[in-house]
Amino acid sequence: VDASALVAREHAPRLEPRARAQLGERERRELLREDRAERGVLLDRPRREQEAELRVPRLVLREITQDDAPAFFAVRSDPRVMKYWSSLPVTTMEPIHAAIAQVIEGVRAGTSIRWAITDRESGAFLGSGGFWRWDQRSFRGELGYDLGSAHWGKGLATEALAAMLRYGWETMKLHSAEANVDPRNEASLRVLKKLGFVQEGLLKENFFVEGEFTDTAVLSLLAPR
């Protein structure tokens, strides 16, 4: 999809909460429907639109299914991959199946979207990524990803995230994207900054993992204008 095809997002005047409270149920439903239509919110659109397969030169980003569980486990059980996460490497399949179920439910509910990152030639599962938190009312999504350590240093993360961002701007109509990273994770910071993200803040010692408090760098990127 051509990035120049972005549609203008115009915001109609909105009723104050007190005025809304005086409306009947039927009027409130009608107003909500108009709000969604004018603001481009995707809540009422077919879910198939949110399950698009994305193709880039070396990768295919597709829907995650439970069939991906063994390969997903290989990624999430790797201590190198999970070194800077807020959780430990998995040791059983149970949390992997739960994570995939959560992804599927998030797509269905319109609260998140995550793709399997696969090799375009072989179809091998390399990792996953997407907007794990999607605030439709504020047109904002939080980007996250994981990539098997055997595939680091090849520019694949940059290629995959760039495709996700294009989808976010053009199809999800996001106005901004956010990413939260352990500041010690220099490789991920380089990837995000290469894509245009700017660090806007630092949360001091907001996670406690393996006996230590860790910081979080907060980065953000506005949609192309």
C-alpha atoms as a PDB file:
ATOM      1  CA  VAL A   1       0.000   0.000   0.000  1.00  0.00           C
ATOM      2  CA  ASP A   2       1.349   3.423  -0.951  1.00  0.00           C
ATOM      3  CA  ALA A   3       2.046   5.526   2.150  1.00  0.00           C
ATOM      4  CA  SER A   4       0.791   8.558   0.248  1.00  0.00           C
ATOM      5  CA  ALA A   5      -2.698   7.054   0.390  1.00  0.00           C
ATOM      6  CA  LEU A   6      -3.179   8.127   4.015  1.00  0.00           C
ATOM      7  CA  VAL A   7      -6.570   9.723   4.522  1.00  0.00           C
ATOM      8  CA  ALA A   8      -6.988  12.955   6.402  1.00  0.00           C
ATOM      9  CA  ARG A   9      -8.257  12.497   9.938  1.00  0.00           C
ATOM     10  CA  GLU A  10     -10.681  15.261  10.743  1.00  0.00           C
ATOM     11  CA  HIS A  11     -12.210  15.470  14.183  1.00  0.00           C
ATOM     12  CA  ALA A  12     -15.796  16.630  14.452  1.00  0.00           C
ATOM     13  CA  PRO A  13     -16.883  18.819  17.395  1.00  0.00           C
ATOM     14  CA  ARG A  14     -17.722  16.603  20.343  1.00  0.00           C
ATOM     15  CA  LEU A  15     -20.406  16.919  22.992  1.00  0.00           C
ATOM     16  CA  GLU A  16     -19.296  17.538  26.559  1.00  0.00           C
ATOM     17  CA  PRO A  17     -19.854  14.584  28.947  1.00  0.00           C
ATOM     18  CA  ARG A  18     -22.725  16.395  30.732  1.00  0.00           C
ATOM     19  CA  ALA A  19     -24.519  16.974  27.416  1.00  0.00           C
ATOM     20  CA  ARG A  20     -24.010  13.340  26.452  1.00  0.00           C
ATOM     21  CA  ALA A  21     -25.544  12.215  29.734  1.00  0.00           C
ATOM     22  CA  GLN A  22     -28.795  13.989  28.845  1.00  0.00           C
ATOM     23  CA  LEU A  23     -29.185  11.974  25.643  1.00  0.00           C
ATOM     24  CA  GLY A  24     -31.351   8.878  25.460  1.00  0.00           C
ATOM     25  CA  GLU A  25     -29.846   5.447  24.774  1.00  0.00           C
ATOM     26  CA  ARG A  26     -30.810   5.572  21.097  1.00  0.00           C
ATOM     27  CA  GLU A  27     -29.243   9.011  20.627  1.00  0.00           C
ATOM     28  CA  ARG A  28     -26.061   7.932  22.426  1.00  0.00           C
ATOM     29  CA  ARG A  29     -25.704   4.903  20.159  1.00  0.00           C
ATOM     30  CA  GLU A  30     -26.183   7.065  17.069  1.00  0.00           C
ATOM     31  CA  LEU A  31     -23.630   9.611  18.310  1.00  0.00           C
ATOM     32  CA  LEU A  32     -21.107   6.873  19.044  1.00  0.00           C
ATOM     33  CA  ARG A  33     -21.582   5.443  15.553  1.00  0.00           C
ATOM     34  CA  GLU A  34     -21.011   8.890  14.013  1.00  0.00           C
ATOM     35  CA  ASP A  35     -17.918   9.438  16.178  1.00  0.00           C
ATOM     36  CA  ARG A  36     -16.412   6.170  14.999  1.00  0.00           C
ATOM     37  CA  ALA A  37     -17.175   6.855  11.359  1.00  0.00           C
ATOM     38  CA  GLU A  38     -15.720  10.363  11.421  1.00  0.00           C
ATOM     39  CA  ARG A  39     -12.632   9.452  13.431  1.00  0.00           C
ATOM     40  CA  GLY A  40     -11.843   6.376  11.329  1.00  0.00           C
ATOM     41  CA  VAL A  41     -12.054   3.983  14.272  1.00  0.00           C
ATOM     42  CA  LEU A  42     -11.995   0.342  13.177  1.00  0.00           C
ATOM     43  CA  LEU A  43     -14.240  -1.151  15.852  1.00  0.00           C
ATOM     44  CA  ASP A  44     -17.084  -1.914  13.463  1.00  0.00           C
ATOM     45  CA  ARG A  45     -14.984  -3.039  10.504  1.00  0.00           C
ATOM     46  CA  PRO A  46     -14.580  -6.692   9.479  1.00  0.00           C
ATOM     47  CA  ARG A  47     -11.819  -8.385  11.446  1.00  0.00           C
ATOM     48  CA  ARG A  48     -10.338  -9.791   8.211  1.00  0.00           C
ATOM     49  CA  GLU A  49      -9.009  -6.298   7.511  1.00  0.00           C
ATOM     50  CA  GLN A  50      -6.909  -6.531  10.665  1.00  0.00           C
ATOM     51  CA  GLU A  51      -5.435  -9.934   9.746  1.00  0.00           C
ATOM     52  CA  ALA A  52      -3.638  -8.819   6.574  1.00  0.00           C
ATOM     53  CA  GLU A  53      -0.592 -10.721   5.388  1.00  0.00           C
ATOM     54  CA  LEU A  54       2.307  -8.334   4.889  1.00  0.00           C
ATOM     55  CA  ARG A  55       5.042  -9.146   2.349  1.00  0.00           C
ATOM     56  CA  VAL A  56       8.427  -7.447   2.273  1.00  0.00           C
ATOM     57  CA  PRO A  57      11.594  -8.447   0.369  1.00  0.00           C
ATOM     58  CA  ARG A  58      12.793 -11.139   2.790  1.00  0.00           C
ATOM     59  CA  LEU A  59       9.817 -11.732   5.062  1.00  0.00           C
ATOM     60  CA  VAL A  60       6.127 -12.562   5.223  1.00  0.00           C
ATOM     61  CA  LEU A  61       4.192 -11.318   8.241  1.00  0.00           C
ATOM     62  CA  ARG A  62       1.145 -13.492   8.732  1.00  0.00           C
ATOM     63  CA  GLU A  63      -1.453 -14.480  11.307  1.00  0.00           C
ATOM     64  CA  ILE A  64      -0.135 -16.399  14.323  1.00  0.00           C
ATOM     65  CA  THR A  65      -1.811 -19.747  14.999  1.00  0.00           C
ATOM     66  CA  GLN A  66      -1.393 -22.477  17.601  1.00  0.00           C
ATOM     67  CA  ASP A  67       0.576 -24.421  14.985  1.00  0.00           C
ATOM     68  CA  ASP A  68       3.369 -21.891  15.575  1.00  0.00           C
ATOM     69  CA  ALA A  69       3.663 -22.846  19.249  1.00  0.00           C
ATOM     70  CA  PRO A  70       6.840 -25.019  19.011  1.00  0.00           C
ATOM     71  CA  ALA A  71       8.757 -22.389  17.006  1.00  0.00           C
ATOM     72  CA  PHE A  72       7.406 -19.606  19.232  1.00  0.00           C
ATOM     73  CA  PHE A  73       8.581 -21.569  22.269  1.00  0.00           C
ATOM     74  CA  ALA A  74      12.087 -21.768  20.780  1.00  0.00           C
ATOM     75  CA  VAL A  75      12.190 -17.961  20.601  1.00  0.00           C
ATOM     76  CA  ARG A  76      10.648 -17.199  23.988  1.00  0.00           C
ATOM     77  CA  SER A  77      12.733 -19.830  25.817  1.00  0.00           C
ATOM     78  CA  ASP A  78      16.031 -18.351  24.564  1.00  0.00           C
ATOM     79  CA  PRO A  79      17.749 -16.421  27.399  1.00  0.00           C
ATOM     80  CA  ARG A  80      19.418 -14.114  24.858  1.00  0.00           C
ATOM     81  CA  VAL A  81      16.047 -13.087  23.416  1.00  0.00           C
ATOM     82  CA  MET A  82      14.453 -12.621  26.823  1.00  0.00           C
ATOM     83  CA  LYS A  83      17.419 -10.904  28.485  1.00  0.00           C
ATOM     84  CA  TYR A  84      15.838  -7.448  28.552  1.00  0.00           C
ATOM     85  CA  TRP A  85      12.179  -8.474  28.831  1.00  0.00           C
ATOM     86  CA  SER A  86      10.066  -7.877  31.906  1.00  0.00           C
ATOM     87  CA  SER A  87       9.535 -11.650  32.212  1.00  0.00           C
ATOM     88  CA  LEU A  88      11.781 -14.708  32.308  1.00  0.00           C
ATOM     89  CA  PRO A  89      12.311 -17.225  29.480  1.00  0.00           C
ATOM     90  CA  VAL A  90       9.462 -19.731  29.282  1.00  0.00           C
ATOM     91  CA  THR A  91      10.110 -23.302  30.349  1.00  0.00           C
ATOM     92  CA  THR A  92       6.850 -24.982  29.312  1.00  0.00           C
ATOM     93  CA  MET A  93       4.439 -24.751  26.379  1.00  0.00           C
ATOM     94  CA  GLU A  94       1.542 -23.539  28.532  1.00  0.00           C
ATOM     95  CA  PRO A  95       2.418 -19.797  28.486  1.00  0.00           C
ATOM     96  CA  ILE A  96       3.078 -20.008  24.731  1.00  0.00           C
ATOM     97  CA  HIS A  97      -0.373 -21.415  24.004  1.00  0.00           C
ATOM     98  CA  ALA A  98      -1.847 -18.758  26.299  1.00  0.00           C
ATOM     99  CA  ALA A  99       0.086 -15.995  24.532  1.00  0.00           C
ATOM    100  CA  ILE A 100      -1.128 -17.144  21.095  1.00  0.00           C
ATOM    101  CA  ALA A 101      -4.701 -17.338  22.357  1.00  0.00           C
ATOM    102  CA  GLN A 102      -4.327 -13.791  23.683  1.00  0.00           C
ATOM    103  CA  VAL A 103      -3.072 -12.611  20.275  1.00  0.00           C
ATOM    104  CA  ILE A 104      -6.044 -14.201  18.508  1.00  0.00           C
ATOM    105  CA  GLU A 105      -8.485 -12.675  20.996  1.00  0.00           C
ATOM    106  CA  GLY A 106      -6.827  -9.252  20.698  1.00  0.00           C
ATOM    107  CA  VAL A 107      -7.313  -9.264  16.935  1.00  0.00           C
ATOM    108  CA  ARG A 108     -10.923 -10.383  17.331  1.00  0.00           C
ATOM    109  CA  ALA A 109     -11.633  -7.670  19.908  1.00  0.00           C
ATOM    110  CA  GLY A 110      -9.739  -4.943  18.048  1.00  0.00           C
ATOM    111  CA  THR A 111      -7.410  -4.229  20.987  1.00  0.00           C
ATOM    112  CA  SER A 112      -4.147  -5.514  19.509  1.00  0.00           C
ATOM    113  CA  ILE A 113      -2.574  -7.182  16.498  1.00  0.00           C
ATOM    114  CA  ARG A 114       0.543  -9.346  16.263  1.00  0.00           C
ATOM    115  CA  TRP A 115       2.048 -11.154  13.292  1.00  0.00           C
ATOM    116  CA  ALA A 116       4.262 -14.205  12.925  1.00  0.00           C
ATOM    117  CA  ILE A 117       7.499 -13.037  11.285  1.00  0.00           C
ATOM    118  CA  THR A 118       8.428 -15.720   8.748  1.00  0.00           C
ATOM    119  CA  ASP A 119      11.125 -16.244   6.136  1.00  0.00           C
ATOM    120  CA  ARG A 120       9.716 -15.442   2.699  1.00  0.00           C
ATOM    121  CA  GLU A 121      11.442 -18.362   0.965  1.00  0.00           C
ATOM    122  CA  SER A 122      11.253 -21.174   3.516  1.00  0.00           C
ATOM    123  CA  GLY A 123       8.252 -20.058   5.578  1.00  0.00           C
ATOM    124  CA  ALA A 124      10.238 -20.646   8.773  1.00  0.00           C
ATOM    125  CA  PHE A 125       8.987 -18.874  11.904  1.00  0.00           C
ATOM    126  CA  LEU A 126      11.614 -16.329  12.958  1.00  0.00           C
ATOM    127  CA  GLY A 127       9.751 -14.373  15.635  1.00  0.00           C
ATOM    128  CA  SER A 128       6.693 -12.210  16.138  1.00  0.00           C
ATOM    129  CA  GLY A 129       5.719  -8.579  16.442  1.00  0.00           C
ATOM    130  CA  GLY A 130       2.953  -6.051  16.246  1.00  0.00           C
ATOM    131  CA  PHE A 131       0.925  -3.532  18.197  1.00  0.00           C
ATOM    132  CA  TRP A 132       0.308  -5.421  21.415  1.00  0.00           C
ATOM    133  CA  ARG A 133      -1.686  -2.509  22.825  1.00  0.00           C
ATOM    134  CA  TRP A 134      -4.001  -0.601  20.468  1.00  0.00           C
ATOM    135  CA  ASP A 135      -5.804   2.469  21.833  1.00  0.00           C
ATOM    136  CA  GLN A 136      -8.272   3.124  19.019  1.00  0.00           C
ATOM    137  CA  ARG A 137      -9.824   6.176  20.600  1.00  0.00           C
ATOM    138  CA  SER A 138      -6.443   7.900  20.808  1.00  0.00           C
ATOM    139  CA  PHE A 139      -5.171   6.434  17.490  1.00  0.00           C
ATOM    140  CA  ARG A 140      -2.085   5.082  19.241  1.00  0.00           C
ATOM    141  CA  GLY A 141      -0.431   1.680  19.264  1.00  0.00           C
ATOM    142  CA  GLU A 142       2.408   0.219  21.308  1.00  0.00           C
ATOM    143  CA  LEU A 143       4.882  -1.698  19.185  1.00  0.00           C
ATOM    144  CA  GLY A 144       6.736  -4.772  20.362  1.00  0.00           C
ATOM    145  CA  TYR A 145       8.607  -7.685  18.816  1.00  0.00           C
ATOM    146  CA  ASP A 146      10.792 -10.712  19.417  1.00  0.00           C
ATOM    147  CA  LEU A 147      13.229 -12.277  16.960  1.00  0.00           C
ATOM    148  CA  GLY A 148      15.167 -15.517  17.296  1.00  0.00           C
ATOM    149  CA  SER A 149      18.806 -14.800  18.155  1.00  0.00           C
ATOM    150  CA  ALA A 150      20.024 -16.775  15.115  1.00  0.00           C
ATOM    151  CA  HIS A 151      18.521 -14.051  12.936  1.00  0.00           C
ATOM    152  CA  TRP A 152      19.995 -10.982  14.639  1.00  0.00           C
ATOM    153  CA  GLY A 153      22.304  -8.584  12.838  1.00  0.00           C
ATOM    154  CA  LYS A 154      20.716  -9.027   9.407  1.00  0.00           C
ATOM    155  CA  GLY A 155      18.350  -6.057   9.357  1.00  0.00           C
ATOM    156  CA  LEU A 156      15.303  -8.314   9.613  1.00  0.00           C
ATOM    157  CA  ALA A 157      13.850  -6.548  12.653  1.00  0.00           C
ATOM    158  CA  THR A 158      14.036  -3.200  10.859  1.00  0.00           C
ATOM    159  CA  GLU A 159      12.366  -4.681   7.772  1.00  0.00           C
ATOM    160  CA  ALA A 160       9.586  -6.289   9.791  1.00  0.00           C
ATOM    161  CA  LEU A 161       8.875  -3.272  12.011  1.00  0.00           C
ATOM    162  CA  ALA A 162       8.817  -0.925   9.021  1.00  0.00           C
ATOM    163  CA  ALA A 163       6.074  -3.072   7.464  1.00  0.00           C
ATOM    164  CA  MET A 164       4.107  -3.085  10.728  1.00  0.00           C
ATOM    165  CA  LEU A 165       4.353   0.685  10.989  1.00  0.00           C
ATOM    166  CA  ARG A 166       3.119   1.150   7.406  1.00  0.00           C
ATOM    167  CA  TYR A 167       0.139  -1.033   8.248  1.00  0.00           C
ATOM    168  CA  GLY A 168      -0.403   0.972  11.428  1.00  0.00           C
ATOM    169  CA  TRP A 169      -0.437   4.290   9.593  1.00  0.00           C
ATOM    170  CA  GLU A 170      -2.402   3.233   6.526  1.00  0.00           C
ATOM    171  CA  THR A 171      -4.879   0.598   7.728  1.00  0.00           C
ATOM    172  CA  MET A 172      -5.212   1.094  11.480  1.00  0.00           C
ATOM    173  CA  LYS A 173      -5.096   4.901  10.992  1.00  0.00           C
ATOM    174  CA  LEU A 174      -2.711   5.355  13.919  1.00  0.00           C
ATOM    175  CA  HIS A 175      -1.574   8.878  14.727  1.00  0.00           C
ATOM    176  CA  SER A 176       1.346   7.741  16.868  1.00  0.00           C
ATOM    177  CA  ALA A 177       3.284   4.652  17.877  1.00  0.00           C
ATOM    178  CA  GLU A 178       5.028   3.922  21.167  1.00  0.00           C
ATOM    179  CA  ALA A 179       7.766   1.493  22.150  1.00  0.00           C
ATOM    180  CA  ASN A 180       9.082   0.685  25.628  1.00  0.00           C
ATOM    181  CA  VAL A 181      12.611  -0.724  25.858  1.00  0.00           C
ATOM    182  CA  ASP A 182      15.105  -1.588  28.547  1.00  0.00           C
ATOM    183  CA  PRO A 183      17.765   1.111  27.944  1.00  0.00           C
ATOM    184  CA  ARG A 184      20.491  -1.541  28.162  1.00  0.00           C
ATOM    185  CA  ASN A 185      19.036  -3.131  25.019  1.00  0.00           C
ATOM    186  CA  GLU A 186      21.143  -1.061  22.659  1.00  0.00           C
ATOM    187  CA  ALA A 187      20.355  -3.171  19.574  1.00  0.00           C
ATOM    188  CA  SER A 188      16.595  -2.588  19.866  1.00  0.00           C
ATOM    189  CA  LEU A 189      17.130   1.101  20.533  1.00  0.00           C
ATOM    190  CA  ARG A 190      19.195   1.356  17.347  1.00  0.00           C
ATOM    191  CA  VAL A 191      16.453  -0.362  15.328  1.00  0.00           C
ATOM    192  CA  LEU A 192      13.741   1.936  16.656  1.00  0.00           C
ATOM    193  CA  LYS A 193      15.771   5.118  16.186  1.00  0.00           C
ATOM    194  CA  LYS A 194      16.614   4.033  12.638  1.00  0.00           C
ATOM    195  CA  LEU A 195      12.857   3.929  12.014  1.00  0.00           C
ATOM    196  CA  GLY A 196      12.477   7.464  13.367  1.00  0.00           C
ATOM    197  CA  PHE A 197      11.472   6.834  16.984  1.00  0.00           C
ATOM    198  CA  VAL A 198      12.566   9.440  19.495  1.00  0.00           C
ATOM    199  CA  GLN A 199      13.095   8.770  23.197  1.00  0.00           C
ATOM    200  CA  GLU A 200      10.670  10.917  25.158  1.00  0.00           C
ATOM    201  CA  GLY A 201      11.284   9.726  28.679  1.00  0.00           C
ATOM    202  CA  LEU A 202      12.860   7.263  31.087  1.00  0.00           C
ATOM    203  CA  LEU A 203      10.918   5.391  33.762  1.00  0.00           C
ATOM    204  CA  LYS A 204      13.297   4.675  36.627  1.00  0.00           C
ATOM    205  CA  GLU A 205      13.282   1.175  38.146  1.00  0.00           C
ATOM    206  CA  ASN A 206       9.681   0.411  37.146  1.00  0.00           C
ATOM    207  CA  PHE A 207      10.213  -3.351  36.655  1.00  0.00           C
ATOM    208  CA  PHE A 208      11.544  -5.941  39.083  1.00  0.00           C
ATOM    209  CA  VAL A 209      13.035  -8.970  37.313  1.00  0.00           C
ATOM    210  CA  GLU A 210      15.381 -11.616  38.694  1.00  0.00           C
ATOM    211  CA  GLY A 211      16.134  -9.709  41.856  1.00  0.00           C
ATOM    212  CA  GLU A 212      16.818  -6.294  40.348  1.00  0.00           C
ATOM    213  CA  PHE A 213      14.906  -3.167  39.405  1.00  0.00           C
ATOM    214  CA  THR A 214      15.237  -2.092  35.786  1.00  0.00           C
ATOM    215  CA  ASP A 215      14.488   1.108  33.886  1.00  0.00           C
ATOM    216  CA  THR A 216      12.316   1.601  30.796  1.00  0.00           C
ATOM    217  CA  ALA A 217      13.056   3.977  27.928  1.00  0.00           C
ATOM    218  CA  VAL A 218       9.840   5.331  26.371  1.00  0.00           C
ATOM    219  CA  LEU A 219      10.043   6.102  22.640  1.00  0.00           C
ATOM    220  CA  SER A 220       7.434   7.544  20.313  1.00  0.00           C
ATOM    221  CA  LEU A 221       6.877   8.194  16.620  1.00  0.00           C
ATOM    222  CA  LEU A 222       4.219  10.294  14.885  1.00  0.00           C
ATOM    223  CA  ALA A 223       2.562   9.178  11.666  1.00  0.00           C
ATOM    224  CA  PRO A 224       3.936  10.696   8.432  1.00  0.00           C
ATOM    225  CA  ARG A 225       2.166  13.910   7.505  1.00  0.00           C
END
